[in-house]
N, C-alpha and C. Protein backbone atom coordinates (compact mmCIF):
# COMPACT_ATOMS: atom_id res chain seq x y z
N MET A 1 -24.08 76.92 -9.39
CA MET A 1 -25.50 77.17 -9.16
C MET A 1 -26.04 76.11 -8.21
N ASN A 2 -26.72 76.55 -7.17
CA ASN A 2 -27.28 75.63 -6.19
C ASN A 2 -28.50 74.90 -6.76
N ALA A 3 -28.63 73.64 -6.37
CA ALA A 3 -29.78 72.84 -6.80
C ALA A 3 -31.02 73.29 -6.05
N PRO A 4 -32.16 73.33 -6.73
CA PRO A 4 -33.42 73.61 -6.03
C PRO A 4 -33.68 72.52 -4.98
N THR A 5 -34.39 72.88 -3.93
CA THR A 5 -34.78 71.91 -2.92
C THR A 5 -35.84 70.99 -3.52
N ILE A 6 -35.62 69.69 -3.35
CA ILE A 6 -36.51 68.69 -3.92
C ILE A 6 -37.09 67.83 -2.80
N ILE A 7 -38.39 67.57 -2.86
CA ILE A 7 -39.03 66.63 -1.94
C ILE A 7 -38.84 65.25 -2.55
N SER A 8 -38.08 64.41 -1.86
CA SER A 8 -37.68 63.11 -2.40
C SER A 8 -38.85 62.14 -2.48
N ARG A 9 -38.63 61.08 -3.23
CA ARG A 9 -39.62 60.01 -3.33
C ARG A 9 -39.95 59.44 -1.96
N THR A 10 -38.95 59.29 -1.12
CA THR A 10 -39.17 58.78 0.24
C THR A 10 -40.08 59.74 1.01
N ASP A 11 -39.80 61.05 0.88
CA ASP A 11 -40.56 62.05 1.63
C ASP A 11 -42.03 62.13 1.21
N TRP A 12 -42.34 61.89 -0.06
CA TRP A 12 -43.75 61.94 -0.45
C TRP A 12 -44.41 60.56 -0.45
N GLY A 13 -43.65 59.52 -0.12
CA GLY A 13 -44.25 58.19 0.04
C GLY A 13 -44.45 57.44 -1.26
N ALA A 14 -43.47 57.51 -2.16
CA ALA A 14 -43.58 56.84 -3.46
C ALA A 14 -43.66 55.33 -3.31
N ALA A 15 -44.47 54.72 -4.14
CA ALA A 15 -44.46 53.26 -4.27
C ALA A 15 -43.19 52.89 -5.04
N PRO A 16 -42.72 51.67 -4.91
CA PRO A 16 -41.50 51.27 -5.62
C PRO A 16 -41.68 51.29 -7.14
N PHE A 17 -40.58 51.57 -7.82
CA PHE A 17 -40.52 51.44 -9.27
C PHE A 17 -40.76 49.98 -9.61
N ARG A 18 -41.53 49.70 -10.62
CA ARG A 18 -41.81 48.31 -11.02
C ARG A 18 -40.80 47.91 -12.09
N GLY A 19 -39.96 46.96 -11.75
CA GLY A 19 -38.91 46.54 -12.67
C GLY A 19 -37.65 47.33 -12.39
N SER A 20 -36.84 47.50 -13.41
CA SER A 20 -35.58 48.23 -13.28
C SER A 20 -35.61 49.46 -14.18
N PRO A 21 -35.36 50.64 -13.60
CA PRO A 21 -35.34 51.84 -14.43
C PRO A 21 -34.15 51.82 -15.40
N GLU A 22 -34.34 52.49 -16.53
CA GLU A 22 -33.28 52.63 -17.52
C GLU A 22 -32.83 54.08 -17.53
N PRO A 23 -31.56 54.34 -17.82
CA PRO A 23 -31.08 55.72 -17.82
C PRO A 23 -31.67 56.54 -18.97
N LEU A 24 -31.92 57.80 -18.69
CA LEU A 24 -32.47 58.74 -19.67
C LEU A 24 -31.46 59.07 -20.77
N GLY A 25 -30.20 59.17 -20.39
CA GLY A 25 -29.18 59.64 -21.33
C GLY A 25 -29.04 61.15 -21.21
N THR A 26 -28.36 61.75 -22.14
CA THR A 26 -28.15 63.20 -22.15
C THR A 26 -29.49 63.91 -22.30
N VAL A 27 -29.70 64.95 -21.50
CA VAL A 27 -30.95 65.71 -21.58
C VAL A 27 -30.91 66.61 -22.82
N LYS A 28 -31.79 66.34 -23.78
CA LYS A 28 -31.92 67.20 -24.96
C LYS A 28 -33.05 68.20 -24.76
N ASN A 29 -34.19 67.71 -24.29
CA ASN A 29 -35.36 68.57 -24.09
C ASN A 29 -35.81 68.54 -22.65
N ILE A 30 -36.27 69.68 -22.18
CA ILE A 30 -37.06 69.76 -20.96
C ILE A 30 -38.49 69.91 -21.46
N VAL A 31 -39.37 69.01 -21.06
CA VAL A 31 -40.75 69.01 -21.55
C VAL A 31 -41.68 69.32 -20.38
N VAL A 32 -42.45 70.39 -20.52
CA VAL A 32 -43.36 70.83 -19.46
C VAL A 32 -44.77 70.32 -19.73
N HIS A 33 -45.39 69.83 -18.66
CA HIS A 33 -46.75 69.27 -18.69
C HIS A 33 -47.59 69.91 -17.60
N HIS A 34 -48.90 69.68 -17.68
CA HIS A 34 -49.75 69.90 -16.51
C HIS A 34 -50.39 68.56 -16.18
N ALA A 35 -50.86 68.42 -14.96
CA ALA A 35 -51.44 67.16 -14.52
C ALA A 35 -52.90 67.02 -14.94
N ALA A 36 -53.45 68.05 -15.58
CA ALA A 36 -54.87 68.06 -15.98
C ALA A 36 -55.76 67.80 -14.77
N GLY A 37 -55.38 68.39 -13.65
CA GLY A 37 -56.07 68.22 -12.38
C GLY A 37 -55.04 68.05 -11.28
N PHE A 38 -55.43 67.42 -10.19
CA PHE A 38 -54.52 67.13 -9.09
C PHE A 38 -53.90 68.40 -8.49
N ALA A 39 -54.62 69.50 -8.50
CA ALA A 39 -54.10 70.76 -7.97
C ALA A 39 -53.75 70.63 -6.49
N ALA A 40 -52.71 71.34 -6.09
CA ALA A 40 -52.27 71.34 -4.70
C ALA A 40 -51.69 72.69 -4.36
N ALA A 41 -52.14 73.27 -3.25
CA ALA A 41 -51.69 74.60 -2.84
C ALA A 41 -50.65 74.57 -1.73
N ASP A 42 -50.36 73.38 -1.20
CA ASP A 42 -49.39 73.29 -0.11
C ASP A 42 -48.73 71.92 -0.15
N VAL A 43 -47.68 71.75 0.66
CA VAL A 43 -46.88 70.52 0.62
C VAL A 43 -47.66 69.30 1.11
N VAL A 44 -48.55 69.46 2.07
CA VAL A 44 -49.32 68.31 2.56
C VAL A 44 -50.21 67.78 1.44
N THR A 45 -50.95 68.68 0.80
CA THR A 45 -51.80 68.27 -0.32
C THR A 45 -50.95 67.84 -1.51
N GLY A 46 -49.82 68.51 -1.72
CA GLY A 46 -48.94 68.16 -2.83
C GLY A 46 -48.44 66.74 -2.76
N LYS A 47 -48.02 66.30 -1.58
CA LYS A 47 -47.55 64.92 -1.41
C LYS A 47 -48.66 63.94 -1.75
N LYS A 48 -49.88 64.25 -1.31
CA LYS A 48 -51.02 63.37 -1.61
C LYS A 48 -51.29 63.34 -3.11
N ARG A 49 -51.27 64.51 -3.74
CA ARG A 49 -51.55 64.57 -5.18
C ARG A 49 -50.48 63.84 -6.00
N VAL A 50 -49.22 63.96 -5.59
CA VAL A 50 -48.15 63.26 -6.32
C VAL A 50 -48.34 61.74 -6.17
N ARG A 51 -48.73 61.29 -4.98
CA ARG A 51 -49.05 59.86 -4.81
C ARG A 51 -50.23 59.46 -5.69
N ASP A 52 -51.23 60.35 -5.79
CA ASP A 52 -52.39 60.07 -6.65
C ASP A 52 -51.97 59.95 -8.12
N VAL A 53 -51.08 60.84 -8.56
CA VAL A 53 -50.60 60.77 -9.95
C VAL A 53 -49.83 59.47 -10.16
N GLN A 54 -48.98 59.10 -9.21
CA GLN A 54 -48.24 57.84 -9.35
C GLN A 54 -49.20 56.66 -9.41
N ARG A 55 -50.21 56.66 -8.55
CA ARG A 55 -51.19 55.57 -8.55
C ARG A 55 -51.92 55.51 -9.90
N LEU A 56 -52.30 56.65 -10.44
CA LEU A 56 -52.94 56.69 -11.76
C LEU A 56 -52.02 56.07 -12.82
N HIS A 57 -50.76 56.47 -12.80
CA HIS A 57 -49.82 55.97 -13.81
C HIS A 57 -49.54 54.48 -13.65
N GLN A 58 -49.37 54.03 -12.42
CA GLN A 58 -49.04 52.62 -12.21
C GLN A 58 -50.27 51.71 -12.28
N GLU A 59 -51.34 52.10 -11.63
CA GLU A 59 -52.50 51.21 -11.53
C GLU A 59 -53.41 51.27 -12.76
N ARG A 60 -53.73 52.45 -13.21
CA ARG A 60 -54.69 52.57 -14.31
C ARG A 60 -54.03 52.50 -15.68
N ARG A 61 -52.82 53.07 -15.78
CA ARG A 61 -52.14 53.07 -17.08
C ARG A 61 -51.15 51.92 -17.23
N GLY A 62 -50.82 51.27 -16.12
CA GLY A 62 -49.93 50.12 -16.18
C GLY A 62 -48.47 50.46 -16.40
N TRP A 63 -48.08 51.70 -16.06
CA TRP A 63 -46.69 52.12 -16.23
C TRP A 63 -45.85 51.62 -15.06
N ARG A 64 -44.54 51.65 -15.23
CA ARG A 64 -43.63 51.18 -14.19
C ARG A 64 -43.58 52.12 -12.99
N ASP A 65 -43.86 53.40 -13.22
CA ASP A 65 -43.75 54.41 -12.16
C ASP A 65 -44.47 55.66 -12.62
N ILE A 66 -44.39 56.69 -11.80
CA ILE A 66 -44.88 57.99 -12.19
C ILE A 66 -44.13 58.40 -13.46
N GLY A 67 -44.80 59.02 -14.39
CA GLY A 67 -44.18 59.30 -15.68
C GLY A 67 -43.19 60.43 -15.71
N TYR A 68 -43.32 61.39 -14.79
CA TYR A 68 -42.52 62.62 -14.83
C TYR A 68 -41.27 62.51 -13.96
N HIS A 69 -40.30 63.34 -14.25
CA HIS A 69 -39.09 63.41 -13.44
C HIS A 69 -39.29 64.32 -12.22
N PHE A 70 -40.08 65.38 -12.42
CA PHE A 70 -40.35 66.33 -11.34
C PHE A 70 -41.79 66.80 -11.45
N LEU A 71 -42.38 67.15 -10.31
CA LEU A 71 -43.71 67.74 -10.25
C LEU A 71 -43.63 68.95 -9.34
N ILE A 72 -44.46 69.95 -9.61
CA ILE A 72 -44.42 71.21 -8.87
C ILE A 72 -45.84 71.59 -8.48
N ASP A 73 -46.02 71.96 -7.19
CA ASP A 73 -47.34 72.40 -6.74
C ASP A 73 -47.43 73.93 -6.78
N ALA A 74 -48.62 74.46 -6.46
CA ALA A 74 -48.85 75.90 -6.55
C ALA A 74 -48.03 76.70 -5.55
N ALA A 75 -47.56 76.07 -4.47
CA ALA A 75 -46.72 76.76 -3.50
C ALA A 75 -45.25 76.78 -3.93
N GLY A 76 -44.96 76.14 -5.07
CA GLY A 76 -43.60 76.12 -5.59
C GLY A 76 -42.76 74.96 -5.09
N ASN A 77 -43.38 74.03 -4.35
CA ASN A 77 -42.65 72.85 -3.89
C ASN A 77 -42.38 71.93 -5.08
N VAL A 78 -41.15 71.41 -5.15
CA VAL A 78 -40.73 70.53 -6.25
C VAL A 78 -40.57 69.12 -5.70
N TYR A 79 -41.21 68.16 -6.36
CA TYR A 79 -41.20 66.76 -5.95
C TYR A 79 -40.41 65.94 -6.96
N GLN A 80 -39.60 65.02 -6.48
CA GLN A 80 -38.91 64.08 -7.35
C GLN A 80 -39.92 63.08 -7.87
N GLY A 81 -39.93 62.87 -9.18
CA GLY A 81 -40.77 61.85 -9.77
C GLY A 81 -39.99 60.56 -9.94
N ARG A 82 -39.48 60.33 -11.14
CA ARG A 82 -38.70 59.11 -11.42
C ARG A 82 -37.45 59.05 -10.55
N PRO A 83 -36.94 57.84 -10.28
CA PRO A 83 -35.76 57.71 -9.44
C PRO A 83 -34.50 58.25 -10.12
N PHE A 84 -33.50 58.54 -9.29
CA PHE A 84 -32.19 58.99 -9.77
C PHE A 84 -31.23 57.80 -9.79
N PHE A 85 -30.26 57.84 -10.69
CA PHE A 85 -29.10 56.96 -10.65
C PHE A 85 -27.95 57.78 -10.06
N ARG A 86 -27.00 57.13 -9.36
CA ARG A 86 -25.82 57.81 -8.84
C ARG A 86 -26.16 59.06 -8.04
N GLY A 87 -26.61 58.90 -6.86
CA GLY A 87 -26.87 60.04 -6.01
C GLY A 87 -28.32 60.09 -5.59
N LYS A 88 -28.52 60.62 -4.40
CA LYS A 88 -29.87 60.68 -3.86
C LYS A 88 -30.48 62.06 -3.95
N ALA A 89 -29.66 63.06 -4.23
CA ALA A 89 -30.16 64.44 -4.27
C ALA A 89 -29.79 65.08 -5.60
N LEU A 90 -30.54 66.07 -5.99
CA LEU A 90 -30.27 66.76 -7.26
C LEU A 90 -28.90 67.42 -7.24
N ARG A 91 -28.44 67.86 -6.08
CA ARG A 91 -27.11 68.50 -6.00
C ARG A 91 -26.00 67.53 -6.38
N ASP A 92 -26.27 66.19 -6.33
CA ASP A 92 -25.30 65.17 -6.72
C ASP A 92 -25.18 65.05 -8.25
N LEU A 93 -26.00 65.80 -8.98
CA LEU A 93 -26.07 65.74 -10.44
C LEU A 93 -26.26 64.29 -10.92
N PRO A 94 -27.36 63.67 -10.48
CA PRO A 94 -27.58 62.27 -10.84
C PRO A 94 -27.93 62.10 -12.31
N GLN A 95 -27.77 60.89 -12.79
CA GLN A 95 -28.33 60.50 -14.08
C GLN A 95 -29.82 60.26 -13.81
N PHE A 96 -30.67 60.68 -14.72
CA PHE A 96 -32.10 60.49 -14.56
C PHE A 96 -32.54 59.17 -15.20
N ALA A 97 -33.61 58.60 -14.66
CA ALA A 97 -34.24 57.43 -15.28
C ALA A 97 -35.13 57.92 -16.41
N ILE A 98 -35.22 57.15 -17.46
CA ILE A 98 -36.09 57.53 -18.58
C ILE A 98 -37.53 57.62 -18.06
N GLY A 99 -38.26 58.62 -18.53
CA GLY A 99 -39.63 58.85 -18.08
C GLY A 99 -40.66 58.20 -18.99
N ALA A 100 -41.91 58.53 -18.74
CA ALA A 100 -43.04 58.06 -19.53
C ALA A 100 -44.01 59.22 -19.64
N HIS A 101 -43.63 60.26 -20.39
CA HIS A 101 -44.46 61.46 -20.43
C HIS A 101 -44.71 61.98 -21.84
N VAL A 102 -43.97 61.49 -22.85
CA VAL A 102 -44.22 61.86 -24.25
C VAL A 102 -44.27 60.55 -25.03
N LEU A 103 -45.45 60.12 -25.39
CA LEU A 103 -45.68 58.81 -26.00
C LEU A 103 -44.65 58.47 -27.07
N ASN A 104 -43.94 57.39 -26.85
CA ASN A 104 -42.94 56.84 -27.79
C ASN A 104 -41.79 57.79 -28.10
N MET A 105 -41.57 58.82 -27.29
CA MET A 105 -40.50 59.79 -27.55
C MET A 105 -39.78 60.20 -26.27
N ASN A 106 -39.64 59.31 -25.31
CA ASN A 106 -39.11 59.70 -24.01
C ASN A 106 -37.58 59.78 -23.88
N PRO A 107 -36.81 59.07 -24.69
CA PRO A 107 -35.36 59.20 -24.52
C PRO A 107 -34.91 60.65 -24.66
N ARG A 108 -34.02 61.05 -23.74
CA ARG A 108 -33.40 62.37 -23.73
C ARG A 108 -34.37 63.51 -23.40
N LYS A 109 -35.58 63.19 -22.92
CA LYS A 109 -36.57 64.21 -22.56
C LYS A 109 -36.83 64.17 -21.06
N LEU A 110 -36.58 65.27 -20.38
CA LEU A 110 -36.82 65.41 -18.95
C LEU A 110 -38.20 66.02 -18.76
N GLY A 111 -39.08 65.33 -18.06
CA GLY A 111 -40.45 65.78 -17.89
C GLY A 111 -40.69 66.48 -16.57
N ILE A 112 -41.26 67.68 -16.64
CA ILE A 112 -41.64 68.45 -15.45
C ILE A 112 -43.14 68.74 -15.55
N CYS A 113 -43.88 68.38 -14.51
CA CYS A 113 -45.32 68.53 -14.51
C CYS A 113 -45.77 69.48 -13.41
N LEU A 114 -46.55 70.49 -13.77
CA LEU A 114 -47.17 71.35 -12.76
C LEU A 114 -48.51 70.74 -12.38
N LEU A 115 -48.74 70.61 -11.07
CA LEU A 115 -50.00 70.07 -10.59
C LEU A 115 -51.10 71.11 -10.81
N GLY A 116 -52.17 70.70 -11.46
CA GLY A 116 -53.27 71.59 -11.78
C GLY A 116 -53.65 71.41 -13.24
N CYS A 117 -54.62 72.20 -13.67
CA CYS A 117 -55.13 72.14 -15.04
C CYS A 117 -55.18 73.57 -15.57
N PHE A 118 -54.34 73.89 -16.54
CA PHE A 118 -54.10 75.28 -16.93
C PHE A 118 -54.65 75.63 -18.31
N HIS A 119 -55.85 75.18 -18.56
CA HIS A 119 -56.53 75.51 -19.81
C HIS A 119 -57.62 76.53 -19.49
N PRO A 120 -57.91 77.43 -20.41
CA PRO A 120 -59.01 78.38 -20.15
C PRO A 120 -60.29 77.63 -19.80
N PRO A 121 -61.20 78.31 -19.12
CA PRO A 121 -62.40 77.63 -18.62
C PRO A 121 -63.10 76.76 -19.66
N ALA A 122 -63.08 75.50 -19.40
CA ALA A 122 -63.76 74.51 -20.22
C ALA A 122 -63.86 73.25 -19.37
N GLY A 123 -65.02 72.94 -18.94
CA GLY A 123 -65.19 71.74 -18.12
C GLY A 123 -64.50 71.83 -16.78
N GLY A 124 -64.36 73.02 -16.22
CA GLY A 124 -63.76 73.17 -14.91
C GLY A 124 -62.24 73.16 -14.90
N CYS A 125 -61.63 73.17 -16.04
CA CYS A 125 -60.16 73.13 -16.14
C CYS A 125 -59.65 74.55 -16.31
N ASN A 126 -59.52 75.28 -15.20
CA ASN A 126 -59.16 76.69 -15.34
C ASN A 126 -58.26 77.20 -14.21
N ASP A 127 -57.35 76.35 -13.73
CA ASP A 127 -56.39 76.82 -12.72
C ASP A 127 -55.43 77.82 -13.37
N GLN A 128 -54.93 78.73 -12.58
CA GLN A 128 -53.90 79.67 -13.03
C GLN A 128 -52.55 79.17 -12.53
N PRO A 129 -51.53 79.12 -13.38
CA PRO A 129 -50.21 78.75 -12.85
C PRO A 129 -49.75 79.85 -11.88
N SER A 130 -49.43 79.47 -10.66
CA SER A 130 -49.05 80.46 -9.65
C SER A 130 -47.65 81.00 -9.93
N GLU A 131 -47.39 82.19 -9.41
CA GLU A 131 -46.05 82.79 -9.55
C GLU A 131 -45.00 81.91 -8.87
N LEU A 132 -45.36 81.31 -7.73
CA LEU A 132 -44.41 80.44 -7.02
C LEU A 132 -44.09 79.19 -7.84
N ALA A 133 -45.12 78.60 -8.45
CA ALA A 133 -44.89 77.41 -9.28
C ALA A 133 -44.04 77.77 -10.49
N LEU A 134 -44.34 78.89 -11.13
CA LEU A 134 -43.56 79.31 -12.31
C LEU A 134 -42.12 79.64 -11.93
N ALA A 135 -41.92 80.24 -10.76
CA ALA A 135 -40.56 80.55 -10.32
C ALA A 135 -39.78 79.26 -10.06
N SER A 136 -40.42 78.27 -9.46
CA SER A 136 -39.75 76.98 -9.24
C SER A 136 -39.47 76.26 -10.54
N LEU A 137 -40.41 76.33 -11.47
CA LEU A 137 -40.19 75.73 -12.80
C LEU A 137 -38.98 76.37 -13.47
N GLU A 138 -38.90 77.68 -13.42
CA GLU A 138 -37.78 78.37 -14.06
C GLU A 138 -36.45 78.06 -13.36
N ALA A 139 -36.46 78.02 -12.04
CA ALA A 139 -35.23 77.70 -11.31
C ALA A 139 -34.77 76.28 -11.63
N LEU A 140 -35.69 75.34 -11.69
CA LEU A 140 -35.35 73.96 -12.01
C LEU A 140 -34.84 73.86 -13.45
N ALA A 141 -35.52 74.50 -14.38
CA ALA A 141 -35.08 74.48 -15.78
C ALA A 141 -33.70 75.12 -15.93
N ARG A 142 -33.46 76.22 -15.25
CA ARG A 142 -32.16 76.88 -15.30
C ARG A 142 -31.07 75.94 -14.77
N PHE A 143 -31.36 75.28 -13.63
CA PHE A 143 -30.40 74.36 -13.05
C PHE A 143 -30.06 73.24 -14.04
N VAL A 144 -31.07 72.66 -14.68
CA VAL A 144 -30.83 71.58 -15.63
C VAL A 144 -30.05 72.09 -16.83
N CYS A 145 -30.40 73.26 -17.34
CA CYS A 145 -29.68 73.81 -18.50
C CYS A 145 -28.21 74.04 -18.17
N VAL A 146 -27.93 74.61 -17.02
CA VAL A 146 -26.55 74.93 -16.65
C VAL A 146 -25.77 73.67 -16.32
N ASN A 147 -26.32 72.79 -15.50
CA ASN A 147 -25.57 71.65 -14.98
C ASN A 147 -25.59 70.42 -15.87
N TYR A 148 -26.60 70.31 -16.73
CA TYR A 148 -26.69 69.17 -17.64
C TYR A 148 -26.47 69.60 -19.10
N ARG A 149 -26.13 70.86 -19.27
CA ARG A 149 -25.83 71.44 -20.59
C ARG A 149 -26.98 71.28 -21.59
N ALA A 150 -28.20 71.39 -21.08
CA ALA A 150 -29.37 71.37 -21.96
C ALA A 150 -29.53 72.77 -22.55
N ASP A 151 -29.90 72.85 -23.78
CA ASP A 151 -30.09 74.13 -24.46
C ASP A 151 -31.45 74.71 -24.06
N PRO A 152 -31.49 75.91 -23.49
CA PRO A 152 -32.78 76.47 -23.07
C PRO A 152 -33.75 76.66 -24.24
N ARG A 153 -33.23 76.73 -25.45
CA ARG A 153 -34.12 76.82 -26.62
C ARG A 153 -34.86 75.52 -26.85
N GLU A 154 -34.42 74.46 -26.18
CA GLU A 154 -35.06 73.14 -26.30
C GLU A 154 -36.03 72.86 -25.15
N ILE A 155 -36.40 73.90 -24.41
CA ILE A 155 -37.47 73.75 -23.42
C ILE A 155 -38.77 73.77 -24.20
N LYS A 156 -39.52 72.70 -24.11
CA LYS A 156 -40.73 72.51 -24.91
C LYS A 156 -41.91 72.19 -23.99
N THR A 157 -43.04 71.99 -24.59
CA THR A 157 -44.21 71.50 -23.86
C THR A 157 -44.67 70.21 -24.54
N HIS A 158 -45.54 69.51 -23.86
CA HIS A 158 -46.08 68.26 -24.39
C HIS A 158 -46.66 68.46 -25.79
N ARG A 159 -47.37 69.56 -25.99
CA ARG A 159 -48.03 69.77 -27.28
C ARG A 159 -47.05 70.09 -28.40
N ASP A 160 -45.79 70.38 -28.07
CA ASP A 160 -44.79 70.56 -29.12
C ASP A 160 -44.42 69.24 -29.79
N PHE A 161 -44.79 68.12 -29.16
CA PHE A 161 -44.45 66.81 -29.70
C PHE A 161 -45.66 66.01 -30.15
N LEU A 162 -46.81 66.23 -29.53
CA LEU A 162 -48.01 65.46 -29.82
C LEU A 162 -49.23 66.38 -29.86
N SER A 163 -50.28 65.93 -30.50
CA SER A 163 -51.53 66.68 -30.54
C SER A 163 -52.24 66.50 -29.20
N THR A 164 -52.13 67.51 -28.33
CA THR A 164 -52.72 67.45 -26.99
C THR A 164 -52.94 68.87 -26.49
N ASP A 165 -53.85 69.04 -25.56
CA ASP A 165 -54.04 70.34 -24.92
C ASP A 165 -52.97 70.62 -23.87
N CYS A 166 -52.27 69.59 -23.43
CA CYS A 166 -51.25 69.71 -22.39
C CYS A 166 -50.11 70.61 -22.88
N PRO A 167 -49.70 71.58 -22.12
CA PRO A 167 -49.91 71.83 -20.70
C PRO A 167 -51.02 72.85 -20.42
N GLY A 168 -51.95 73.01 -21.33
CA GLY A 168 -52.98 74.04 -21.20
C GLY A 168 -52.46 75.35 -21.76
N ASP A 169 -53.35 76.14 -22.32
CA ASP A 169 -52.94 77.40 -22.97
C ASP A 169 -52.23 78.36 -22.01
N LEU A 170 -52.70 78.42 -20.76
CA LEU A 170 -52.12 79.38 -19.82
C LEU A 170 -50.67 79.03 -19.48
N LEU A 171 -50.38 77.76 -19.29
CA LEU A 171 -49.01 77.34 -19.00
C LEU A 171 -48.16 77.35 -20.26
N PHE A 172 -48.74 77.04 -21.41
CA PHE A 172 -48.03 77.07 -22.68
C PHE A 172 -47.42 78.46 -22.92
N GLU A 173 -48.21 79.49 -22.67
CA GLU A 173 -47.72 80.86 -22.85
C GLU A 173 -46.61 81.19 -21.86
N ALA A 174 -46.76 80.75 -20.62
CA ALA A 174 -45.74 81.01 -19.59
C ALA A 174 -44.43 80.30 -19.93
N VAL A 175 -44.51 79.10 -20.48
CA VAL A 175 -43.30 78.36 -20.86
C VAL A 175 -42.59 79.06 -22.01
N ALA A 176 -43.33 79.59 -22.96
CA ALA A 176 -42.70 80.33 -24.06
C ALA A 176 -41.93 81.54 -23.54
N ALA A 177 -42.50 82.26 -22.60
CA ALA A 177 -41.82 83.43 -22.02
C ALA A 177 -40.59 82.99 -21.22
N MET A 178 -40.71 81.90 -20.47
CA MET A 178 -39.57 81.39 -19.70
C MET A 178 -38.44 80.96 -20.63
N ARG A 179 -38.78 80.26 -21.70
CA ARG A 179 -37.77 79.80 -22.67
C ARG A 179 -37.01 80.99 -23.25
N ALA A 180 -37.72 82.05 -23.58
CA ALA A 180 -37.09 83.25 -24.13
C ALA A 180 -36.15 83.89 -23.10
N ARG A 181 -36.60 83.99 -21.86
CA ARG A 181 -35.74 84.58 -20.80
C ARG A 181 -34.48 83.75 -20.60
N LEU A 182 -34.63 82.45 -20.46
CA LEU A 182 -33.48 81.59 -20.21
C LEU A 182 -32.54 81.55 -21.41
N SER A 183 -33.09 81.59 -22.60
CA SER A 183 -32.26 81.61 -23.81
C SER A 183 -31.41 82.88 -23.85
N THR A 184 -32.00 84.01 -23.49
CA THR A 184 -31.28 85.28 -23.46
C THR A 184 -30.24 85.27 -22.33
N ASP A 185 -30.62 84.78 -21.16
CA ASP A 185 -29.71 84.78 -20.01
C ASP A 185 -28.53 83.84 -20.20
N LEU A 186 -28.80 82.66 -20.75
CA LEU A 186 -27.77 81.63 -20.83
C LEU A 186 -27.02 81.61 -22.16
N HIS A 187 -27.59 82.23 -23.18
CA HIS A 187 -26.94 82.33 -24.50
C HIS A 187 -27.07 83.74 -25.05
N PRO A 188 -26.48 84.73 -24.37
CA PRO A 188 -26.65 86.11 -24.85
C PRO A 188 -26.03 86.29 -26.25
N ALA A 189 -26.65 87.16 -27.00
CA ALA A 189 -26.20 87.40 -28.39
C ALA A 189 -24.89 88.17 -28.42
């Protein structure tokens, strides 16, 4: 299975990781998030928004780097978040650096964040997950399940681990449908 095309940290202008990243270990869960804003409809805006998310995580939250392993914009562009070990591209099947996306539960969890806010209208948070973004999310999740032997039944959302609105009700429903499809495709009865 071919790796999805990824916009590298260099390509989106990432600031350096602060300190030394630690390896994630075996991927047990793929955890889907939304950025609760930072929507982007194209790669130019997407690169800016990913830099904005990294700045929020490093400057305001005091984290070592952007918390997620991958981010996806509405056009379906996939951005590398945390750095890779052993290899510069996803096709190299790198070891991932541990993320910072599920409070106190990050080991073995690969974080994927869709740029936007996918909760029903409340305070202006009412983006719709685009078909292109959902297709890229599914392709990336499929790639990780096949190549890293992650169980598609272990594709979760942030709210499956903590009391949070993330990834928003609209994306939560889409992730449940994706998990069911991938579970059937990759583990037929």
